[in-house]
C-alpha atoms as a PDB file:
ATOM      1  CA  UNK A   1     -17.648 -13.922  36.940  1.00  0.00           C
ATOM      2  CA  UNK A   2     -19.608 -15.063  33.908  1.00  0.00           C
ATOM      3  CA  UNK A   3     -22.107 -12.805  32.217  1.00  0.00           C
ATOM      4  CA  UNK A   4     -21.626  -9.862  34.525  1.00  0.00           C
ATOM      5  CA  UNK A   5     -21.767  -7.354  31.691  1.00  0.00           C
ATOM      6  CA  UNK A   6     -25.285  -6.334  30.660  1.00  0.00           C
ATOM      7  CA  UNK A   7     -26.158  -7.010  27.027  1.00  0.00           C
ATOM      8  CA  UNK A   8     -27.789  -4.545  24.821  1.00  0.00           C
ATOM      9  CA  UNK A   9     -29.659  -5.398  21.586  1.00  0.00           C
ATOM     10  CA  UNK A  10     -27.642  -4.910  18.444  1.00  0.00           C
ATOM     11  CA  UNK A  11     -29.263  -3.812  15.158  1.00  0.00           C
ATOM     12  CA  UNK A  12     -28.875  -5.459  11.767  1.00  0.00           C
ATOM     13  CA  UNK A  13     -28.231  -9.158  11.707  1.00  0.00           C
ATOM     14  CA  UNK A  14     -29.526  -9.436  15.204  1.00  0.00           C
ATOM     15  CA  UNK A  15     -33.055  -8.578  14.150  1.00  0.00           C
ATOM     16  CA  UNK A  16     -32.688 -10.743  11.065  1.00  0.00           C
ATOM     17  CA  UNK A  17     -32.001 -13.811  13.180  1.00  0.00           C
ATOM     18  CA  UNK A  18     -35.093 -12.972  15.322  1.00  0.00           C
ATOM     19  CA  UNK A  19     -37.303 -12.600  12.223  1.00  0.00           C
ATOM     20  CA  UNK A  20     -35.989 -15.881  10.737  1.00  0.00           C
ATOM     21  CA  UNK A  21     -36.797 -17.640  13.983  1.00  0.00           C
ATOM     22  CA  UNK A  22     -40.326 -16.233  14.184  1.00  0.00           C
ATOM     23  CA  UNK A  23     -41.114 -16.909  10.528  1.00  0.00           C
ATOM     24  CA  UNK A  24     -39.646 -20.434  10.653  1.00  0.00           C
ATOM     25  CA  UNK A  25     -41.519 -21.216  13.838  1.00  0.00           C
ATOM     26  CA  UNK A  26     -44.832 -19.938  12.395  1.00  0.00           C
ATOM     27  CA  UNK A  27     -44.245 -21.929   9.173  1.00  0.00           C
ATOM     28  CA  UNK A  28     -43.568 -25.080  11.206  1.00  0.00           C
ATOM     29  CA  UNK A  29     -46.684 -24.627  13.378  1.00  0.00           C
ATOM     30  CA  UNK A  30     -48.956 -24.045  10.382  1.00  0.00           C
ATOM     31  CA  UNK A  31     -47.526 -26.970   8.314  1.00  0.00           C
ATOM     32  CA  UNK A  32     -47.386 -29.320  11.297  1.00  0.00           C
ATOM     33  CA  UNK A  33     -50.953 -28.569  12.545  1.00  0.00           C
ATOM     34  CA  UNK A  34     -52.312 -28.785   8.970  1.00  0.00           C
ATOM     35  CA  UNK A  35     -50.613 -32.203   8.530  1.00  0.00           C
ATOM     36  CA  UNK A  36     -52.032 -33.400  11.836  1.00  0.00           C
ATOM     37  CA  UNK A  37     -55.551 -32.183  11.082  1.00  0.00           C
ATOM     38  CA  UNK A  38     -55.891 -33.085   7.404  1.00  0.00           C
ATOM     39  CA  UNK A  39     -53.376 -35.958   7.306  1.00  0.00           C
ATOM     40  CA  UNK A  40     -53.426 -36.251   3.485  1.00  0.00           C
ATOM     41  CA  UNK A  41     -50.311 -37.267   1.642  1.00  0.00           C
ATOM     42  CA  UNK A  42     -49.604 -33.825   0.066  1.00  0.00           C
ATOM     43  CA  UNK A  43     -50.096 -32.002   3.366  1.00  0.00           C
ATOM     44  CA  UNK A  44     -47.931 -34.462   5.256  1.00  0.00           C
ATOM     45  CA  UNK A  45     -45.261 -34.148   2.555  1.00  0.00           C
ATOM     46  CA  UNK A  46     -45.239 -30.350   3.088  1.00  0.00           C
ATOM     47  CA  UNK A  47     -44.865 -30.886   6.813  1.00  0.00           C
ATOM     48  CA  UNK A  48     -41.956 -33.260   6.330  1.00  0.00           C
ATOM     49  CA  UNK A  49     -40.200 -30.880   3.932  1.00  0.00           C
ATOM     50  CA  UNK A  50     -40.656 -27.892   6.261  1.00  0.00           C
ATOM     51  CA  UNK A  51     -39.390 -29.890   9.232  1.00  0.00           C
ATOM     52  CA  UNK A  52     -36.355 -31.131   7.379  1.00  0.00           C
ATOM     53  CA  UNK A  53     -35.477 -27.729   5.917  1.00  0.00           C
ATOM     54  CA  UNK A  54     -35.745 -26.121   9.412  1.00  0.00           C
ATOM     55  CA  UNK A  55     -33.660 -28.898  10.853  1.00  0.00           C
ATOM     56  CA  UNK A  56     -30.908 -28.352   8.223  1.00  0.00           C
ATOM     57  CA  UNK A  57     -30.872 -24.585   8.859  1.00  0.00           C
ATOM     58  CA  UNK A  58     -30.707 -25.349  12.596  1.00  0.00           C
ATOM     59  CA  UNK A  59     -27.716 -27.696  12.191  1.00  0.00           C
ATOM     60  CA  UNK A  60     -25.860 -25.133  10.014  1.00  0.00           C
ATOM     61  CA  UNK A  61     -26.635 -22.373  12.502  1.00  0.00           C
ATOM     62  CA  UNK A  62     -25.610 -24.583  15.448  1.00  0.00           C
ATOM     63  CA  UNK A  63     -22.240 -25.449  13.887  1.00  0.00           C
ATOM     64  CA  UNK A  64     -21.670 -21.830  12.877  1.00  0.00           C
ATOM     65  CA  UNK A  65     -22.500 -20.626  16.347  1.00  0.00           C
ATOM     66  CA  UNK A  66     -20.198 -23.159  17.950  1.00  0.00           C
ATOM     67  CA  UNK A  67     -17.301 -22.102  15.654  1.00  0.00           C
ATOM     68  CA  UNK A  68     -17.904 -18.413  16.410  1.00  0.00           C
ATOM     69  CA  UNK A  69     -18.185 -19.108  20.162  1.00  0.00           C
ATOM     70  CA  UNK A  70     -14.921 -21.081  20.183  1.00  0.00           C
ATOM     71  CA  UNK A  71     -13.160 -18.171  18.486  1.00  0.00           C
ATOM     72  CA  UNK A  72     -14.640 -15.680  20.974  1.00  0.00           C
ATOM     73  CA  UNK A  73     -13.841 -17.902  23.929  1.00  0.00           C
ATOM     74  CA  UNK A  74     -10.154 -16.983  23.629  1.00  0.00           C
ATOM     75  CA  UNK A  75     -11.086 -13.594  25.038  1.00  0.00           C
ATOM     76  CA  UNK A  76     -14.615 -14.049  26.468  1.00  0.00           C
ATOM     77  CA  UNK A  77     -15.892 -16.361  29.216  1.00  0.00           C
ATOM     78  CA  UNK A  78     -18.802 -18.173  27.484  1.00  0.00           C
ATOM     79  CA  UNK A  79     -21.016 -20.899  28.994  1.00  0.00           C
ATOM     80  CA  UNK A  80     -22.991 -23.373  26.917  1.00  0.00           C
ATOM     81  CA  UNK A  81     -26.213 -22.421  28.725  1.00  0.00           C
ATOM     82  CA  UNK A  82     -25.621 -18.758  27.851  1.00  0.00           C
ATOM     83  CA  UNK A  83     -25.011 -19.688  24.249  1.00  0.00           C
ATOM     84  CA  UNK A  84     -27.888 -22.018  23.467  1.00  0.00           C
ATOM     85  CA  UNK A  85     -30.474 -21.200  26.177  1.00  0.00           C
ATOM     86  CA  UNK A  86     -29.569 -17.476  26.420  1.00  0.00           C
ATOM     87  CA  UNK A  87     -29.238 -17.624  30.191  1.00  0.00           C
ATOM     88  CA  UNK A  88     -27.607 -14.958  32.277  1.00  0.00           C
ATOM     89  CA  UNK A  89     -27.054 -11.367  31.234  1.00  0.00           C
ATOM     90  CA  UNK A  90     -25.316 -12.059  27.939  1.00  0.00           C
ATOM     91  CA  UNK A  91     -28.584 -11.545  26.029  1.00  0.00           C
ATOM     92  CA  UNK A  92     -31.187  -8.767  26.318  1.00  0.00           C
ATOM     93  CA  UNK A  93     -34.428  -9.886  27.945  1.00  0.00           C
ATOM     94  CA  UNK A  94     -36.529  -9.025  24.865  1.00  0.00           C
ATOM     95  CA  UNK A  95     -34.309 -11.275  22.676  1.00  0.00           C
ATOM     96  CA  UNK A  96     -34.480 -14.032  25.354  1.00  0.00           C
ATOM     97  CA  UNK A  97     -38.246 -13.928  25.386  1.00  0.00           C
ATOM     98  CA  UNK A  98     -38.585 -14.078  21.621  1.00  0.00           C
ATOM     99  CA  UNK A  99     -35.889 -16.708  20.994  1.00  0.00           C
ATOM    100  CA  UNK A 100     -36.685 -19.001  23.904  1.00  0.00           C
ATOM    101  CA  UNK A 101     -40.389 -18.521  23.304  1.00  0.00           C
ATOM    102  CA  UNK A 102     -39.985 -19.708  19.698  1.00  0.00           C
ATOM    103  CA  UNK A 103     -37.945 -22.713  20.957  1.00  0.00           C
ATOM    104  CA  UNK A 104     -40.760 -23.546  23.467  1.00  0.00           C
ATOM    105  CA  UNK A 105     -43.411 -23.252  20.683  1.00  0.00           C
ATOM    106  CA  UNK A 106     -41.343 -25.520  18.413  1.00  0.00           C
ATOM    107  CA  UNK A 107     -40.956 -28.107  21.111  1.00  0.00           C
ATOM    108  CA  UNK A 108     -44.592 -28.156  22.245  1.00  0.00           C
ATOM    109  CA  UNK A 109     -45.821 -28.220  18.619  1.00  0.00           C
ATOM    110  CA  UNK A 110     -43.496 -31.075  17.583  1.00  0.00           C
ATOM    111  CA  UNK A 111     -44.490 -33.175  20.590  1.00  0.00           C
ATOM    112  CA  UNK A 112     -48.206 -32.451  20.318  1.00  0.00           C
ATOM    113  CA  UNK A 113     -48.506 -33.138  16.586  1.00  0.00           C
ATOM    114  CA  UNK A 114     -46.299 -36.297  16.717  1.00  0.00           C
ATOM    115  CA  UNK A 115     -48.353 -37.694  19.595  1.00  0.00           C
ATOM    116  CA  UNK A 116     -51.735 -36.631  18.164  1.00  0.00           C
ATOM    117  CA  UNK A 117     -51.577 -38.833  15.098  1.00  0.00           C
ATOM    118  CA  UNK A 118     -50.987 -42.491  14.456  1.00  0.00           C
ATOM    119  CA  UNK A 119     -50.764 -44.301  11.156  1.00  0.00           C
ATOM    120  CA  UNK A 120     -54.077 -45.183   9.574  1.00  0.00           C
ATOM    121  CA  UNK A 121     -53.446 -48.846  10.181  1.00  0.00           C
ATOM    122  CA  UNK A 122     -53.344 -48.225  13.967  1.00  0.00           C
ATOM    123  CA  UNK A 123     -49.541 -48.540  14.345  1.00  0.00           C
ATOM    124  CA  UNK A 124     -47.935 -45.660  16.297  1.00  0.00           C
ATOM    125  CA  UNK A 125     -45.857 -43.098  14.394  1.00  0.00           C
ATOM    126  CA  UNK A 126     -46.270 -41.082  11.279  1.00  0.00           C
ATOM    127  CA  UNK A 127     -44.570 -38.547   9.104  1.00  0.00           C
ATOM    128  CA  UNK A 128     -45.345 -36.017  11.792  1.00  0.00           C
ATOM    129  CA  UNK A 129     -42.502 -37.509  13.820  1.00  0.00           C
ATOM    130  CA  UNK A 130     -40.072 -35.542  11.579  1.00  0.00           C
ATOM    131  CA  UNK A 131     -41.215 -32.475  13.534  1.00  0.00           C
ATOM    132  CA  UNK A 132     -39.212 -33.733  16.509  1.00  0.00           C
ATOM    133  CA  UNK A 133     -36.103 -32.463  14.640  1.00  0.00           C
ATOM    134  CA  UNK A 134     -37.319 -28.842  14.455  1.00  0.00           C
ATOM    135  CA  UNK A 135     -36.133 -27.619  17.923  1.00  0.00           C
ATOM    136  CA  UNK A 136     -32.634 -27.901  16.472  1.00  0.00           C
ATOM    137  CA  UNK A 137     -33.650 -24.846  14.441  1.00  0.00           C
ATOM    138  CA  UNK A 138     -34.396 -22.884  17.642  1.00  0.00           C
ATOM    139  CA  UNK A 139     -31.257 -24.049  19.425  1.00  0.00           C
ATOM    140  CA  UNK A 140     -29.087 -23.264  16.461  1.00  0.00           C
ATOM    141  CA  UNK A 141     -30.540 -19.720  16.040  1.00  0.00           C
ATOM    142  CA  UNK A 142     -30.238 -19.082  19.771  1.00  0.00           C
ATOM    143  CA  UNK A 143     -26.565 -19.985  19.603  1.00  0.00           C
ATOM    144  CA  UNK A 144     -26.050 -18.012  16.412  1.00  0.00           C
ATOM    145  CA  UNK A 145     -27.563 -14.882  17.948  1.00  0.00           C
ATOM    146  CA  UNK A 146     -25.617 -15.154  21.150  1.00  0.00           C
ATOM    147  CA  UNK A 147     -22.289 -16.048  19.527  1.00  0.00           C
ATOM    148  CA  UNK A 148     -22.571 -13.025  17.243  1.00  0.00           C
ATOM    149  CA  UNK A 149     -24.235 -10.491  19.518  1.00  0.00           C
ATOM    150  CA  UNK A 150     -23.937 -11.691  23.132  1.00  0.00           C
ATOM    151  CA  UNK A 151     -22.020  -9.745  25.722  1.00  0.00           C
ATOM    152  CA  UNK A 152     -19.734 -11.817  27.889  1.00  0.00           C
ATOM    153  CA  UNK A 153     -17.296 -11.199  30.705  1.00  0.00           C
ATOM    154  CA  UNK A 154     -13.654 -11.173  29.713  1.00  0.00           C
ATOM    155  CA  UNK A 155     -11.797 -14.394  30.226  1.00  0.00           C
ATOM    156  CA  UNK A 156      -9.555 -14.255  33.324  1.00  0.00           C
ATOM    157  CA  UNK A 157      -5.957 -14.921  32.352  1.00  0.00           C
ATOM    158  CA  UNK A 158      -4.077 -17.245  34.629  1.00  0.00           C
ATOM    159  CA  UNK A 159      -0.433 -16.539  35.364  1.00  0.00           C
ATOM    160  CA  UNK A 160       1.889 -19.556  35.115  1.00  0.00           C
ATOM    161  CA  UNK A 161       3.222 -20.936  38.379  1.00  0.00           C
ATOM    162  CA  UNK A 162       6.603 -19.579  39.479  1.00  0.00           C
ATOM    163  CA  UNK A 163       8.281 -22.923  39.117  1.00  0.00           C
ATOM    164  CA  UNK A 164       7.345 -23.028  35.380  1.00  0.00           C
ATOM    165  CA  UNK A 165       9.420 -19.934  34.715  1.00  0.00           C
ATOM    166  CA  UNK A 166      12.567 -21.295  36.458  1.00  0.00           C
ATOM    167  CA  UNK A 167      14.775 -23.245  33.984  1.00  0.00           C
ATOM    168  CA  UNK A 168      15.483 -26.861  34.865  1.00  0.00           C
ATOM    169  CA  UNK A 169      18.744 -27.705  36.656  1.00  0.00           C
ATOM    170  CA  UNK A 170      21.465 -29.785  35.070  1.00  0.00           C
ATOM    171  CA  UNK A 171      20.589 -32.701  37.351  1.00  0.00           C
ATOM    172  CA  UNK A 172      16.974 -32.623  36.164  1.00  0.00           C
ATOM    173  CA  UNK A 173      18.062 -32.673  32.515  1.00  0.00           C
ATOM    174  CA  UNK A 174      20.525 -35.489  33.051  1.00  0.00           C
ATOM    175  CA  UNK A 175      17.907 -37.478  35.028  1.00  0.00           C
ATOM    176  CA  UNK A 176      15.699 -37.486  31.923  1.00  0.00           C
ATOM    177  CA  UNK A 177      18.469 -38.048  29.368  1.00  0.00           C
ATOM    178  CA  UNK A 178      17.864 -41.816  29.159  1.00  0.00           C
ATOM    179  CA  UNK A 179      14.201 -41.288  28.160  1.00  0.00           C
ATOM    180  CA  UNK A 180      14.744 -40.004  24.746  1.00  0.00           C
END
């Protein structure tokens, strides 16, 4: 049964990941909204740089969380939805609210600011479209938090079938002798 153990919030790096997510999300909202409102070249450049830096951090966190989860999956039963969307009881509810709330804010902000502006010549699209990459930051940090601090059910070990433990007969060995 996946996620049957109740998670409790861990101190230390757990709260650091939460703070990084909140600060990164706030920085993105401010830079993205400022770029959409003022739409000057320097402000748009700041928006692009913030979006790309957050995306890069998100990719690194995502890959790191995947690696950690794969290592833990030898002993723990981990689902992708638990890892990246913090579903089930693997994550404390306060952490879920903060982390998934930040992901929601990132998603709404990136869509709203990218849609709100068009190029000055009337063609659709602008530098604000780089904001579409930012939810990777939230997904990566969700995965990183859960891979490091989530509580999962132990993996159920399967016993090999009885026939696998019986050595092959001489006839079976001779039957396959011609194959290699």
